[in-house]
């Protein structure tokens, strides 16, 4: 029943994801698609595959730092399965669960696996904050782009504030635990549950501390692979637009993707279907004609979403299988606001 509900949700997302670009692009969309070189599609799919390998390298470096080595093939499969789980569940809720589950099967403790995921996310946030600061500074020196520069600078400041908050929470965790314990007591959470939550948070902090104490060279290498992955991922739209002969700045394509993907999270559909397409269309409509925009949107979503599902599904089935999918299905229900009965923690 849970799997059937998830399949219906995926079908609804697919209908929205395909319907919006087809409706907006009109009859001219198919002519635009027919004129696209297969080499262009092959190039962007190659960029996706290279990005997966960068992430597999990040995972291997992190696991090697805690003496849990993993071969490149297994690391690549773990990355692809995690990306599939992220793409197939509302708001990406299945991604962290799949990541922790697969690392636990590799022999990593649950708290250490969660800390690895947190380090991954912190690296990503650091990259985006640094990139947005650089782009904002560049735009602030161009009078015609001053407004966009301030907008991007605001996004960068928000990311830096989140990073600073995470650092303060790690440094001053005791007061936070005490206040959290008092809040749970007021909510009538049983003492045994409160202790279990506190132990889990302490183990997570210890695990993250171990990650952050990795050698400087290893952390730099992890960050460089992070940069490589995200530059490839966020250059796909630029490559597609340039491949269709349209001049749109790379910095603007970056902003389009960030805002569209953020908007998509509010639809609570797998992959942000509907919200992503609407945001993408609104931001690029002033620069591209409808057939070109529809074609770019279909190709971009194929490379950065549908391909993740198509390529990741067999890998997910191989290394995770039905057991994990059945655990992800009720979690997806909670992400949509409805608690499914009989759910169990990983």
C-alpha atoms as a PDB file:
ATOM      1  CA  UNK A   1       0.000   0.000   0.000  1.00  0.00           C
ATOM      2  CA  UNK A   2       2.799   2.419   0.887  1.00  0.00           C
ATOM      3  CA  UNK A   3       4.700   1.603  -2.293  1.00  0.00           C
ATOM      4  CA  UNK A   4       1.532   2.060  -4.362  1.00  0.00           C
ATOM      5  CA  UNK A   5       0.968   5.489  -2.776  1.00  0.00           C
ATOM      6  CA  UNK A   6       4.553   6.467  -3.570  1.00  0.00           C
ATOM      7  CA  UNK A   7       4.111   5.366  -7.186  1.00  0.00           C
ATOM      8  CA  UNK A   8       0.953   7.483  -7.521  1.00  0.00           C
ATOM      9  CA  UNK A   9       2.835  10.453  -6.106  1.00  0.00           C
ATOM     10  CA  UNK A  10       5.683   9.902  -8.577  1.00  0.00           C
ATOM     11  CA  UNK A  11       3.170   9.697 -11.439  1.00  0.00           C
ATOM     12  CA  UNK A  12       1.610  13.013 -10.395  1.00  0.00           C
ATOM     13  CA  UNK A  13       5.041  14.627 -10.272  1.00  0.00           C
ATOM     14  CA  UNK A  14       5.921  13.237 -13.703  1.00  0.00           C
ATOM     15  CA  UNK A  15       2.681  14.560 -15.199  1.00  0.00           C
ATOM     16  CA  UNK A  16       3.385  18.051 -13.841  1.00  0.00           C
ATOM     17  CA  UNK A  17       7.059  17.937 -14.764  1.00  0.00           C
ATOM     18  CA  UNK A  18       6.345  17.058 -18.389  1.00  0.00           C
ATOM     19  CA  UNK A  19       3.072  18.945 -18.762  1.00  0.00           C
ATOM     20  CA  UNK A  20       4.404  22.418 -17.922  1.00  0.00           C
ATOM     21  CA  UNK A  21       7.257  22.553 -20.496  1.00  0.00           C
ATOM     22  CA  UNK A  22       5.098  20.884 -23.167  1.00  0.00           C
ATOM     23  CA  UNK A  23       2.274  23.370 -22.614  1.00  0.00           C
ATOM     24  CA  UNK A  24       4.592  26.387 -22.511  1.00  0.00           C
ATOM     25  CA  UNK A  25       6.773  25.341 -25.443  1.00  0.00           C
ATOM     26  CA  UNK A  26       3.831  24.704 -27.754  1.00  0.00           C
ATOM     27  CA  UNK A  27       4.108  23.107 -31.179  1.00  0.00           C
ATOM     28  CA  UNK A  28       7.500  24.683 -31.854  1.00  0.00           C
ATOM     29  CA  UNK A  29       9.016  22.731 -28.960  1.00  0.00           C
ATOM     30  CA  UNK A  30       9.262  19.494 -30.940  1.00  0.00           C
ATOM     31  CA  UNK A  31      11.068  21.171 -33.817  1.00  0.00           C
ATOM     32  CA  UNK A  32      13.558  22.660 -31.339  1.00  0.00           C
ATOM     33  CA  UNK A  33      14.136  19.253 -29.753  1.00  0.00           C
ATOM     34  CA  UNK A  34      14.622  17.583 -33.149  1.00  0.00           C
ATOM     35  CA  UNK A  35      17.391  20.054 -34.005  1.00  0.00           C
ATOM     36  CA  UNK A  36      19.417  19.252 -30.882  1.00  0.00           C
ATOM     37  CA  UNK A  37      22.637  17.325 -31.464  1.00  0.00           C
ATOM     38  CA  UNK A  38      22.926  13.980 -29.636  1.00  0.00           C
ATOM     39  CA  UNK A  39      26.447  15.090 -28.720  1.00  0.00           C
ATOM     40  CA  UNK A  40      24.979  17.865 -26.569  1.00  0.00           C
ATOM     41  CA  UNK A  41      22.861  15.427 -24.579  1.00  0.00           C
ATOM     42  CA  UNK A  42      25.813  13.044 -24.314  1.00  0.00           C
ATOM     43  CA  UNK A  43      28.001  15.873 -23.015  1.00  0.00           C
ATOM     44  CA  UNK A  44      25.630  16.844 -20.197  1.00  0.00           C
ATOM     45  CA  UNK A  45      25.062  13.205 -19.185  1.00  0.00           C
ATOM     46  CA  UNK A  46      28.837  12.816 -19.110  1.00  0.00           C
ATOM     47  CA  UNK A  47      28.982  15.823 -16.780  1.00  0.00           C
ATOM     48  CA  UNK A  48      26.445  14.122 -14.495  1.00  0.00           C
ATOM     49  CA  UNK A  49      28.489  10.916 -14.439  1.00  0.00           C
ATOM     50  CA  UNK A  50      31.691  12.843 -13.716  1.00  0.00           C
ATOM     51  CA  UNK A  51      29.908  14.610 -10.846  1.00  0.00           C
ATOM     52  CA  UNK A  52      28.849  11.259  -9.384  1.00  0.00           C
ATOM     53  CA  UNK A  53      32.462  10.122  -9.495  1.00  0.00           C
ATOM     54  CA  UNK A  54      33.583  13.287  -7.719  1.00  0.00           C
ATOM     55  CA  UNK A  55      31.060  12.549  -4.974  1.00  0.00           C
ATOM     56  CA  UNK A  56      32.237   8.939  -4.796  1.00  0.00           C
ATOM     57  CA  UNK A  57      35.754  10.273  -4.292  1.00  0.00           C
ATOM     58  CA  UNK A  58      34.504  12.530  -1.480  1.00  0.00           C
ATOM     59  CA  UNK A  59      32.842   9.573   0.202  1.00  0.00           C
ATOM     60  CA  UNK A  60      35.977   7.436  -0.069  1.00  0.00           C
ATOM     61  CA  UNK A  61      38.128  10.186   1.423  1.00  0.00           C
ATOM     62  CA  UNK A  62      35.747  10.657   4.354  1.00  0.00           C
ATOM     63  CA  UNK A  63      35.457   6.925   5.023  1.00  0.00           C
ATOM     64  CA  UNK A  64      39.214   6.494   4.735  1.00  0.00           C
ATOM     65  CA  UNK A  65      39.629   9.168   7.382  1.00  0.00           C
ATOM     66  CA  UNK A  66      37.696   7.041   9.898  1.00  0.00           C
ATOM     67  CA  UNK A  67      39.352   3.765   8.822  1.00  0.00           C
ATOM     68  CA  UNK A  68      36.343   2.397   6.980  1.00  0.00           C
ATOM     69  CA  UNK A  69      37.751   2.168   3.431  1.00  0.00           C
ATOM     70  CA  UNK A  70      35.395   1.623   0.502  1.00  0.00           C
ATOM     71  CA  UNK A  71      36.183   0.730  -3.102  1.00  0.00           C
ATOM     72  CA  UNK A  72      35.372   3.238  -5.823  1.00  0.00           C
ATOM     73  CA  UNK A  73      32.709   1.051  -7.435  1.00  0.00           C
ATOM     74  CA  UNK A  74      30.860   0.605  -4.157  1.00  0.00           C
ATOM     75  CA  UNK A  75      31.184   4.316  -3.358  1.00  0.00           C
ATOM     76  CA  UNK A  76      29.800   5.228  -6.786  1.00  0.00           C
ATOM     77  CA  UNK A  77      26.868   2.844  -6.281  1.00  0.00           C
ATOM     78  CA  UNK A  78      26.190   4.377  -2.856  1.00  0.00           C
ATOM     79  CA  UNK A  79      26.155   7.877  -4.354  1.00  0.00           C
ATOM     80  CA  UNK A  80      23.822   6.866  -7.196  1.00  0.00           C
ATOM     81  CA  UNK A  81      21.441   5.018  -4.854  1.00  0.00           C
ATOM     82  CA  UNK A  82      21.359   7.995  -2.478  1.00  0.00           C
ATOM     83  CA  UNK A  83      20.667  10.395  -5.352  1.00  0.00           C
ATOM     84  CA  UNK A  84      17.830   8.119  -6.492  1.00  0.00           C
ATOM     85  CA  UNK A  85      16.308   8.088  -2.994  1.00  0.00           C
ATOM     86  CA  UNK A  86      16.658  11.876  -2.790  1.00  0.00           C
ATOM     87  CA  UNK A  87      14.983  12.366  -6.181  1.00  0.00           C
ATOM     88  CA  UNK A  88      12.201   9.832  -5.614  1.00  0.00           C
ATOM     89  CA  UNK A  89      10.922  11.212  -2.299  1.00  0.00           C
ATOM     90  CA  UNK A  90       9.201  14.516  -1.400  1.00  0.00           C
ATOM     91  CA  UNK A  91      11.621  17.317  -0.497  1.00  0.00           C
ATOM     92  CA  UNK A  92      14.489  14.823  -0.853  1.00  0.00           C
ATOM     93  CA  UNK A  93      13.546  13.280   2.488  1.00  0.00           C
ATOM     94  CA  UNK A  94      14.783   9.828   1.496  1.00  0.00           C
ATOM     95  CA  UNK A  95      18.330  10.935   0.652  1.00  0.00           C
ATOM     96  CA  UNK A  96      19.753  11.203   4.193  1.00  0.00           C
ATOM     97  CA  UNK A  97      18.001   7.990   5.264  1.00  0.00           C
ATOM     98  CA  UNK A  98      19.395   6.042   2.321  1.00  0.00           C
ATOM     99  CA  UNK A  99      22.886   7.469   2.909  1.00  0.00           C
ATOM    100  CA  UNK A 100      22.939   6.473   6.587  1.00  0.00           C
ATOM    101  CA  UNK A 101      21.354   3.073   5.887  1.00  0.00           C
ATOM    102  CA  UNK A 102      23.894   2.161   3.202  1.00  0.00           C
ATOM    103  CA  UNK A 103      26.860   3.282   5.305  1.00  0.00           C
ATOM    104  CA  UNK A 104      25.563   1.276   8.262  1.00  0.00           C
ATOM    105  CA  UNK A 105      25.487  -1.781   6.004  1.00  0.00           C
ATOM    106  CA  UNK A 106      29.124  -1.029   5.205  1.00  0.00           C
ATOM    107  CA  UNK A 107      29.933  -1.203   8.920  1.00  0.00           C
ATOM    108  CA  UNK A 108      29.848   2.483   9.872  1.00  0.00           C
ATOM    109  CA  UNK A 109      28.063   3.331  13.136  1.00  0.00           C
ATOM    110  CA  UNK A 110      24.786   5.205  12.719  1.00  0.00           C
ATOM    111  CA  UNK A 111      26.043   8.340  14.476  1.00  0.00           C
ATOM    112  CA  UNK A 112      29.229   8.351  12.381  1.00  0.00           C
ATOM    113  CA  UNK A 113      27.197   7.893   9.183  1.00  0.00           C
ATOM    114  CA  UNK A 114      24.981  10.842  10.147  1.00  0.00           C
ATOM    115  CA  UNK A 115      28.108  12.889  10.895  1.00  0.00           C
ATOM    116  CA  UNK A 116      29.489  12.020   7.451  1.00  0.00           C
ATOM    117  CA  UNK A 117      26.284  13.267   5.875  1.00  0.00           C
ATOM    118  CA  UNK A 118      26.432  16.458   7.962  1.00  0.00           C
ATOM    119  CA  UNK A 119      30.027  17.090   6.871  1.00  0.00           C
ATOM    120  CA  UNK A 120      28.941  16.580   3.258  1.00  0.00           C
ATOM    121  CA  UNK A 121      26.180  19.163   3.678  1.00  0.00           C
ATOM    122  CA  UNK A 122      28.474  21.636   5.458  1.00  0.00           C
ATOM    123  CA  UNK A 123      31.000  21.369   2.615  1.00  0.00           C
ATOM    124  CA  UNK A 124      28.215  22.032   0.106  1.00  0.00           C
ATOM    125  CA  UNK A 125      27.000  25.061   2.041  1.00  0.00           C
ATOM    126  CA  UNK A 126      30.530  26.427   2.332  1.00  0.00           C
ATOM    127  CA  UNK A 127      30.976  26.097  -1.433  1.00  0.00           C
ATOM    128  CA  UNK A 128      27.713  27.882  -2.229  1.00  0.00           C
ATOM    129  CA  UNK A 129      28.388  30.645   0.281  1.00  0.00           C
ATOM    130  CA  UNK A 130      31.855  31.271  -1.173  1.00  0.00           C
ATOM    131  CA  UNK A 131      30.579  31.127  -4.755  1.00  0.00           C
ATOM    132  CA  UNK A 132      27.717  33.521  -4.071  1.00  0.00           C
ATOM    133  CA  UNK A 133      30.050  35.982  -2.347  1.00  0.00           C
ATOM    134  CA  UNK A 134      32.363  35.948  -5.386  1.00  0.00           C
ATOM    135  CA  UNK A 135      29.481  36.416  -7.840  1.00  0.00           C
ATOM    136  CA  UNK A 136      27.896  39.167  -5.719  1.00  0.00           C
ATOM    137  CA  UNK A 137      31.170  41.099  -5.508  1.00  0.00           C
ATOM    138  CA  UNK A 138      31.643  40.787  -9.267  1.00  0.00           C
ATOM    139  CA  UNK A 139      28.120  42.056  -9.973  1.00  0.00           C
ATOM    140  CA  UNK A 140      28.347  44.935  -7.489  1.00  0.00           C
ATOM    141  CA  UNK A 141      31.050  46.498  -9.678  1.00  0.00           C
ATOM    142  CA  UNK A 142      28.685  46.466 -12.681  1.00  0.00           C
ATOM    143  CA  UNK A 143      26.054  49.235 -12.419  1.00  0.00           C
ATOM    144  CA  UNK A 144      23.568  47.432 -14.686  1.00  0.00           C
ATOM    145  CA  UNK A 145      23.724  44.331 -12.450  1.00  0.00           C
ATOM    146  CA  UNK A 146      23.770  46.094  -9.078  1.00  0.00           C
ATOM    147  CA  UNK A 147      20.302  44.885  -8.026  1.00  0.00           C
ATOM    148  CA  UNK A 148      21.117  41.247  -8.830  1.00  0.00           C
ATOM    149  CA  UNK A 149      24.399  41.614  -6.952  1.00  0.00           C
ATOM    150  CA  UNK A 150      22.597  42.667  -3.773  1.00  0.00           C
ATOM    151  CA  UNK A 151      20.136  39.766  -4.121  1.00  0.00           C
ATOM    152  CA  UNK A 152      22.911  37.217  -4.493  1.00  0.00           C
ATOM    153  CA  UNK A 153      24.815  38.852  -1.645  1.00  0.00           C
ATOM    154  CA  UNK A 154      21.753  38.411   0.570  1.00  0.00           C
ATOM    155  CA  UNK A 155      21.636  34.690  -0.273  1.00  0.00           C
ATOM    156  CA  UNK A 156      25.328  34.392   0.556  1.00  0.00           C
ATOM    157  CA  UNK A 157      24.823  36.159   3.891  1.00  0.00           C
ATOM    158  CA  UNK A 158      21.972  33.775   4.721  1.00  0.00           C
ATOM    159  CA  UNK A 159      24.135  30.726   4.023  1.00  0.00           C
ATOM    160  CA  UNK A 160      26.998  32.153   6.067  1.00  0.00           C
ATOM    161  CA  UNK A 161      24.583  32.808   8.943  1.00  0.00           C
ATOM    162  CA  UNK A 162      23.442  29.169   8.842  1.00  0.00           C
ATOM    163  CA  UNK A 163      27.064  27.985   8.876  1.00  0.00           C
ATOM    164  CA  UNK A 164      27.836  30.296  11.806  1.00  0.00           C
ATOM    165  CA  UNK A 165      24.780  28.982  13.648  1.00  0.00           C
ATOM    166  CA  UNK A 166      25.911  25.392  13.108  1.00  0.00           C
ATOM    167  CA  UNK A 167      29.393  26.250  14.419  1.00  0.00           C
ATOM    168  CA  UNK A 168      27.943  27.943  17.522  1.00  0.00           C
ATOM    169  CA  UNK A 169      25.630  24.983  18.141  1.00  0.00           C
ATOM    170  CA  UNK A 170      28.611  22.616  18.076  1.00  0.00           C
ATOM    171  CA  UNK A 171      30.667  24.852  20.376  1.00  0.00           C
ATOM    172  CA  UNK A 172      27.880  25.503  22.896  1.00  0.00           C
ATOM    173  CA  UNK A 173      25.957  22.255  22.717  1.00  0.00           C
ATOM    174  CA  UNK A 174      25.453  21.799  26.473  1.00  0.00           C
ATOM    175  CA  UNK A 175      23.020  24.731  26.965  1.00  0.00           C
ATOM    176  CA  UNK A 176      21.144  23.642  23.840  1.00  0.00           C
ATOM    177  CA  UNK A 177      20.813  20.083  25.145  1.00  0.00           C
ATOM    178  CA  UNK A 178      19.570  21.335  28.512  1.00  0.00           C
ATOM    179  CA  UNK A 179      16.988  23.633  26.931  1.00  0.00           C
ATOM    180  CA  UNK A 180      15.941  20.893  24.531  1.00  0.00           C
ATOM    181  CA  UNK A 181      15.543  18.491  27.455  1.00  0.00           C
ATOM    182  CA  UNK A 182      13.309  20.960  29.305  1.00  0.00           C
ATOM    183  CA  UNK A 183      11.194  21.425  26.178  1.00  0.00           C
ATOM    184  CA  UNK A 184      10.790  17.662  25.737  1.00  0.00           C
ATOM    185  CA  UNK A 185       9.832  17.356  29.411  1.00  0.00           C
ATOM    186  CA  UNK A 186       7.082  19.951  28.937  1.00  0.00           C
ATOM    187  CA  UNK A 187       5.840  17.957  25.945  1.00  0.00           C
ATOM    188  CA  UNK A 188       5.549  14.901  28.222  1.00  0.00           C
ATOM    189  CA  UNK A 189       8.188  12.921  26.323  1.00  0.00           C
ATOM    190  CA  UNK A 190       9.147   9.860  28.447  1.00  0.00           C
ATOM    191  CA  UNK A 191      12.527  10.075  30.244  1.00  0.00           C
ATOM    192  CA  UNK A 192      13.871   7.009  28.399  1.00  0.00           C
ATOM    193  CA  UNK A 193      13.125   8.657  25.053  1.00  0.00           C
ATOM    194  CA  UNK A 194      14.737  11.922  26.173  1.00  0.00           C
ATOM    195  CA  UNK A 195      17.894  10.068  27.213  1.00  0.00           C
ATOM    196  CA  UNK A 196      17.993   8.200  23.900  1.00  0.00           C
ATOM    197  CA  UNK A 197      17.699  11.465  21.967  1.00  0.00           C
ATOM    198  CA  UNK A 198      20.443  13.077  24.080  1.00  0.00           C
ATOM    199  CA  UNK A 199      22.773  10.089  23.585  1.00  0.00           C
ATOM    200  CA  UNK A 200      22.137  10.169  19.850  1.00  0.00           C
ATOM    201  CA  UNK A 201      22.912  13.891  19.630  1.00  0.00           C
ATOM    202  CA  UNK A 202      26.097  13.500  21.677  1.00  0.00           C
ATOM    203  CA  UNK A 203      27.277  10.610  19.483  1.00  0.00           C
ATOM    204  CA  UNK A 204      26.489  12.689  16.409  1.00  0.00           C
ATOM    205  CA  UNK A 205      28.525  15.612  17.748  1.00  0.00           C
ATOM    206  CA  UNK A 206      31.423  13.300  18.579  1.00  0.00           C
ATOM    207  CA  UNK A 207      31.265  11.789  15.100  1.00  0.00           C
ATOM    208  CA  UNK A 208      31.197  15.202  13.446  1.00  0.00           C
ATOM    209  CA  UNK A 209      34.114  16.268  15.639  1.00  0.00           C
ATOM    210  CA  UNK A 210      36.095  13.289  14.347  1.00  0.00           C
ATOM    211  CA  UNK A 211      35.253  14.299  10.770  1.00  0.00           C
ATOM    212  CA  UNK A 212      36.359  17.886  11.319  1.00  0.00           C
ATOM    213  CA  UNK A 213      39.632  16.688  12.874  1.00  0.00           C
ATOM    214  CA  UNK A 214      40.663  14.915   9.684  1.00  0.00           C
ATOM    215  CA  UNK A 215      43.994  16.007   8.281  1.00  0.00           C
ATOM    216  CA  UNK A 216      44.024  19.379   6.560  1.00  0.00           C
ATOM    217  CA  UNK A 217      45.119  17.801   3.284  1.00  0.00           C
ATOM    218  CA  UNK A 218      42.225  15.346   3.355  1.00  0.00           C
ATOM    219  CA  UNK A 219      39.682  18.092   4.114  1.00  0.00           C
ATOM    220  CA  UNK A 220      41.061  20.239   1.285  1.00  0.00           C
ATOM    221  CA  UNK A 221      40.837  17.288  -1.113  1.00  0.00           C
ATOM    222  CA  UNK A 222      37.230  16.646  -0.048  1.00  0.00           C
ATOM    223  CA  UNK A 223      36.399  20.314  -0.601  1.00  0.00           C
ATOM    224  CA  UNK A 224      38.055  20.360  -4.045  1.00  0.00           C
ATOM    225  CA  UNK A 225      35.961  17.364  -5.095  1.00  0.00           C
ATOM    226  CA  UNK A 226      32.909  19.184  -3.728  1.00  0.00           C
ATOM    227  CA  UNK A 227      33.778  22.196  -5.908  1.00  0.00           C
ATOM    228  CA  UNK A 228      34.236  19.966  -8.954  1.00  0.00           C
ATOM    229  CA  UNK A 229      30.890  18.259  -8.453  1.00  0.00           C
ATOM    230  CA  UNK A 230      28.844  21.413  -8.009  1.00  0.00           C
ATOM    231  CA  UNK A 231      30.543  23.333 -10.821  1.00  0.00           C
ATOM    232  CA  UNK A 232      29.704  20.465 -13.163  1.00  0.00           C
ATOM    233  CA  UNK A 233      26.152  20.126 -11.852  1.00  0.00           C
ATOM    234  CA  UNK A 234      25.369  23.830 -12.097  1.00  0.00           C
ATOM    235  CA  UNK A 235      27.041  24.246 -15.491  1.00  0.00           C
ATOM    236  CA  UNK A 236      24.664  21.794 -17.191  1.00  0.00           C
ATOM    237  CA  UNK A 237      22.006  24.456 -17.797  1.00  0.00           C
ATOM    238  CA  UNK A 238      24.595  26.880 -19.182  1.00  0.00           C
ATOM    239  CA  UNK A 239      25.968  24.212 -21.564  1.00  0.00           C
ATOM    240  CA  UNK A 240      22.456  23.390 -22.794  1.00  0.00           C
ATOM    241  CA  UNK A 241      21.545  27.035 -23.406  1.00  0.00           C
ATOM    242  CA  UNK A 242      24.832  27.742 -25.178  1.00  0.00           C
ATOM    243  CA  UNK A 243      24.402  24.543 -27.180  1.00  0.00           C
ATOM    244  CA  UNK A 244      21.116  25.949 -28.469  1.00  0.00           C
ATOM    245  CA  UNK A 245      22.866  29.168 -29.474  1.00  0.00           C
ATOM    246  CA  UNK A 246      21.466  31.458 -26.783  1.00  0.00           C
ATOM    247  CA  UNK A 247      23.714  33.881 -24.814  1.00  0.00           C
ATOM    248  CA  UNK A 248      22.786  33.703 -21.118  1.00  0.00           C
ATOM    249  CA  UNK A 249      25.463  34.454 -18.452  1.00  0.00           C
ATOM    250  CA  UNK A 250      26.650  31.496 -16.365  1.00  0.00           C
ATOM    251  CA  UNK A 251      26.028  33.399 -13.113  1.00  0.00           C
ATOM    252  CA  UNK A 252      22.402  33.950 -14.067  1.00  0.00           C
ATOM    253  CA  UNK A 253      21.893  30.258 -14.892  1.00  0.00           C
ATOM    254  CA  UNK A 254      23.291  29.450 -11.446  1.00  0.00           C
ATOM    255  CA  UNK A 255      20.778  31.781  -9.792  1.00  0.00           C
ATOM    256  CA  UNK A 256      17.917  30.348 -11.881  1.00  0.00           C
ATOM    257  CA  UNK A 257      18.717  26.814 -10.755  1.00  0.00           C
ATOM    258  CA  UNK A 258      19.120  27.711  -7.092  1.00  0.00           C
ATOM    259  CA  UNK A 259      15.837  29.623  -6.935  1.00  0.00           C
ATOM    260  CA  UNK A 260      13.861  27.106  -9.014  1.00  0.00           C
ATOM    261  CA  UNK A 261      15.077  24.137  -6.969  1.00  0.00           C
ATOM    262  CA  UNK A 262      14.319  25.985  -3.730  1.00  0.00           C
ATOM    263  CA  UNK A 263      10.799  26.766  -4.934  1.00  0.00           C
ATOM    264  CA  UNK A 264      10.339  23.117  -5.855  1.00  0.00           C
ATOM    265  CA  UNK A 265      10.821  22.019  -2.251  1.00  0.00           C
ATOM    266  CA  UNK A 266       7.516  23.675  -1.335  1.00  0.00           C
ATOM    267  CA  UNK A 267       5.475  21.454  -3.666  1.00  0.00           C
ATOM    268  CA  UNK A 268       6.297  18.397  -1.510  1.00  0.00           C
ATOM    269  CA  UNK A 269       6.399  16.284  -4.671  1.00  0.00           C
ATOM    270  CA  UNK A 270       9.369  14.121  -5.686  1.00  0.00           C
ATOM    271  CA  UNK A 271      12.015  16.257  -7.349  1.00  0.00           C
ATOM    272  CA  UNK A 272      10.039  19.415  -6.614  1.00  0.00           C
ATOM    273  CA  UNK A 273       7.933  18.720  -9.719  1.00  0.00           C
ATOM    274  CA  UNK A 274       5.705  21.613 -10.665  1.00  0.00           C
ATOM    275  CA  UNK A 275       7.447  24.220  -8.549  1.00  0.00           C
ATOM    276  CA  UNK A 276      10.813  23.754 -10.254  1.00  0.00           C
ATOM    277  CA  UNK A 277       9.281  24.044 -13.724  1.00  0.00           C
ATOM    278  CA  UNK A 278       7.225  27.123 -12.840  1.00  0.00           C
ATOM    279  CA  UNK A 279      10.173  28.909 -11.229  1.00  0.00           C
ATOM    280  CA  UNK A 280      12.474  27.984 -14.113  1.00  0.00           C
ATOM    281  CA  UNK A 281       9.976  29.254 -16.689  1.00  0.00           C
ATOM    282  CA  UNK A 282       9.347  32.533 -14.868  1.00  0.00           C
ATOM    283  CA  UNK A 283      13.055  33.326 -14.533  1.00  0.00           C
ATOM    284  CA  UNK A 284      14.091  32.466 -18.097  1.00  0.00           C
ATOM    285  CA  UNK A 285      10.973  33.630 -19.975  1.00  0.00           C
ATOM    286  CA  UNK A 286      12.387  37.177 -20.468  1.00  0.00           C
ATOM    287  CA  UNK A 287      15.511  35.742 -22.132  1.00  0.00           C
ATOM    288  CA  UNK A 288      14.328  32.749 -24.202  1.00  0.00           C
ATOM    289  CA  UNK A 289      11.451  32.242 -26.630  1.00  0.00           C
ATOM    290  CA  UNK A 290       8.838  29.633 -25.564  1.00  0.00           C
ATOM    291  CA  UNK A 291       9.984  26.722 -27.808  1.00  0.00           C
ATOM    292  CA  UNK A 292      13.628  27.178 -26.777  1.00  0.00           C
ATOM    293  CA  UNK A 293      12.746  27.542 -23.104  1.00  0.00           C
ATOM    294  CA  UNK A 294      10.550  24.430 -23.205  1.00  0.00           C
ATOM    295  CA  UNK A 295      13.317  22.427 -24.885  1.00  0.00           C
ATOM    296  CA  UNK A 296      15.961  23.630 -22.421  1.00  0.00           C
ATOM    297  CA  UNK A 297      13.691  22.854 -19.472  1.00  0.00           C
ATOM    298  CA  UNK A 298      12.989  19.303 -20.688  1.00  0.00           C
ATOM    299  CA  UNK A 299      16.664  18.587 -21.356  1.00  0.00           C
ATOM    300  CA  UNK A 300      17.819  20.115 -18.072  1.00  0.00           C
ATOM    301  CA  UNK A 301      15.254  18.197 -16.034  1.00  0.00           C
ATOM    302  CA  UNK A 302      16.131  14.995 -17.870  1.00  0.00           C
ATOM    303  CA  UNK A 303      19.836  15.388 -17.102  1.00  0.00           C
ATOM    304  CA  UNK A 304      19.464  16.544 -13.501  1.00  0.00           C
ATOM    305  CA  UNK A 305      16.358  14.652 -12.369  1.00  0.00           C
ATOM    306  CA  UNK A 306      14.899  11.969 -14.647  1.00  0.00           C
ATOM    307  CA  UNK A 307      18.348  10.570 -15.395  1.00  0.00           C
ATOM    308  CA  UNK A 308      18.992  10.285 -11.658  1.00  0.00           C
ATOM    309  CA  UNK A 309      15.865   8.132 -11.418  1.00  0.00           C
ATOM    310  CA  UNK A 310      16.537   6.021 -14.509  1.00  0.00           C
ATOM    311  CA  UNK A 311      20.209   5.356 -13.786  1.00  0.00           C
ATOM    312  CA  UNK A 312      19.832   5.186 -10.021  1.00  0.00           C
ATOM    313  CA  UNK A 313      16.832   2.832  -9.808  1.00  0.00           C
ATOM    314  CA  UNK A 314      18.671  -0.399 -10.743  1.00  0.00           C
ATOM    315  CA  UNK A 315      21.611   0.545  -8.523  1.00  0.00           C
ATOM    316  CA  UNK A 316      19.254   1.284  -5.622  1.00  0.00           C
ATOM    317  CA  UNK A 317      17.493  -2.056  -6.158  1.00  0.00           C
ATOM    318  CA  UNK A 318      20.860  -3.837  -6.200  1.00  0.00           C
ATOM    319  CA  UNK A 319      22.427  -2.421  -3.042  1.00  0.00           C
ATOM    320  CA  UNK A 320      19.370  -1.382  -1.015  1.00  0.00           C
ATOM    321  CA  UNK A 321      16.370  -3.243  -2.378  1.00  0.00           C
ATOM    322  CA  UNK A 322      12.764  -3.429  -1.295  1.00  0.00           C
ATOM    323  CA  UNK A 323      13.553  -3.278   2.435  1.00  0.00           C
ATOM    324  CA  UNK A 324      14.873   0.275   2.334  1.00  0.00           C
ATOM    325  CA  UNK A 325      12.196   1.429  -0.120  1.00  0.00           C
ATOM    326  CA  UNK A 326       9.463   0.268   2.259  1.00  0.00           C
ATOM    327  CA  UNK A 327      11.113   2.326   5.002  1.00  0.00           C
ATOM    328  CA  UNK A 328      11.378   5.381   2.766  1.00  0.00           C
ATOM    329  CA  UNK A 329       7.693   5.251   1.773  1.00  0.00           C
ATOM    330  CA  UNK A 330       6.298   6.093   5.249  1.00  0.00           C
ATOM    331  CA  UNK A 331       8.969   8.749   5.670  1.00  0.00           C
ATOM    332  CA  UNK A 332       7.717  10.319   2.443  1.00  0.00           C
ATOM    333  CA  UNK A 333       4.220  10.354   3.907  1.00  0.00           C
ATOM    334  CA  UNK A 334       5.500  12.278   6.940  1.00  0.00           C
ATOM    335  CA  UNK A 335       7.239  14.760   4.649  1.00  0.00           C
ATOM    336  CA  UNK A 336       3.827  15.507   3.102  1.00  0.00           C
ATOM    337  CA  UNK A 337       2.331  16.101   6.552  1.00  0.00           C
ATOM    338  CA  UNK A 338       0.633  12.773   7.225  1.00  0.00           C
ATOM    339  CA  UNK A 339       2.151  10.239   9.627  1.00  0.00           C
ATOM    340  CA  UNK A 340       1.911   6.715   8.262  1.00  0.00           C
ATOM    341  CA  UNK A 341       1.006   3.988  10.752  1.00  0.00           C
ATOM    342  CA  UNK A 342       3.464   1.327  11.712  1.00  0.00           C
ATOM    343  CA  UNK A 343       6.622   3.195  10.769  1.00  0.00           C
ATOM    344  CA  UNK A 344       9.894   2.127  12.322  1.00  0.00           C
ATOM    345  CA  UNK A 345      13.189   3.956  12.637  1.00  0.00           C
ATOM    346  CA  UNK A 346      16.167   2.733  10.668  1.00  0.00           C
END
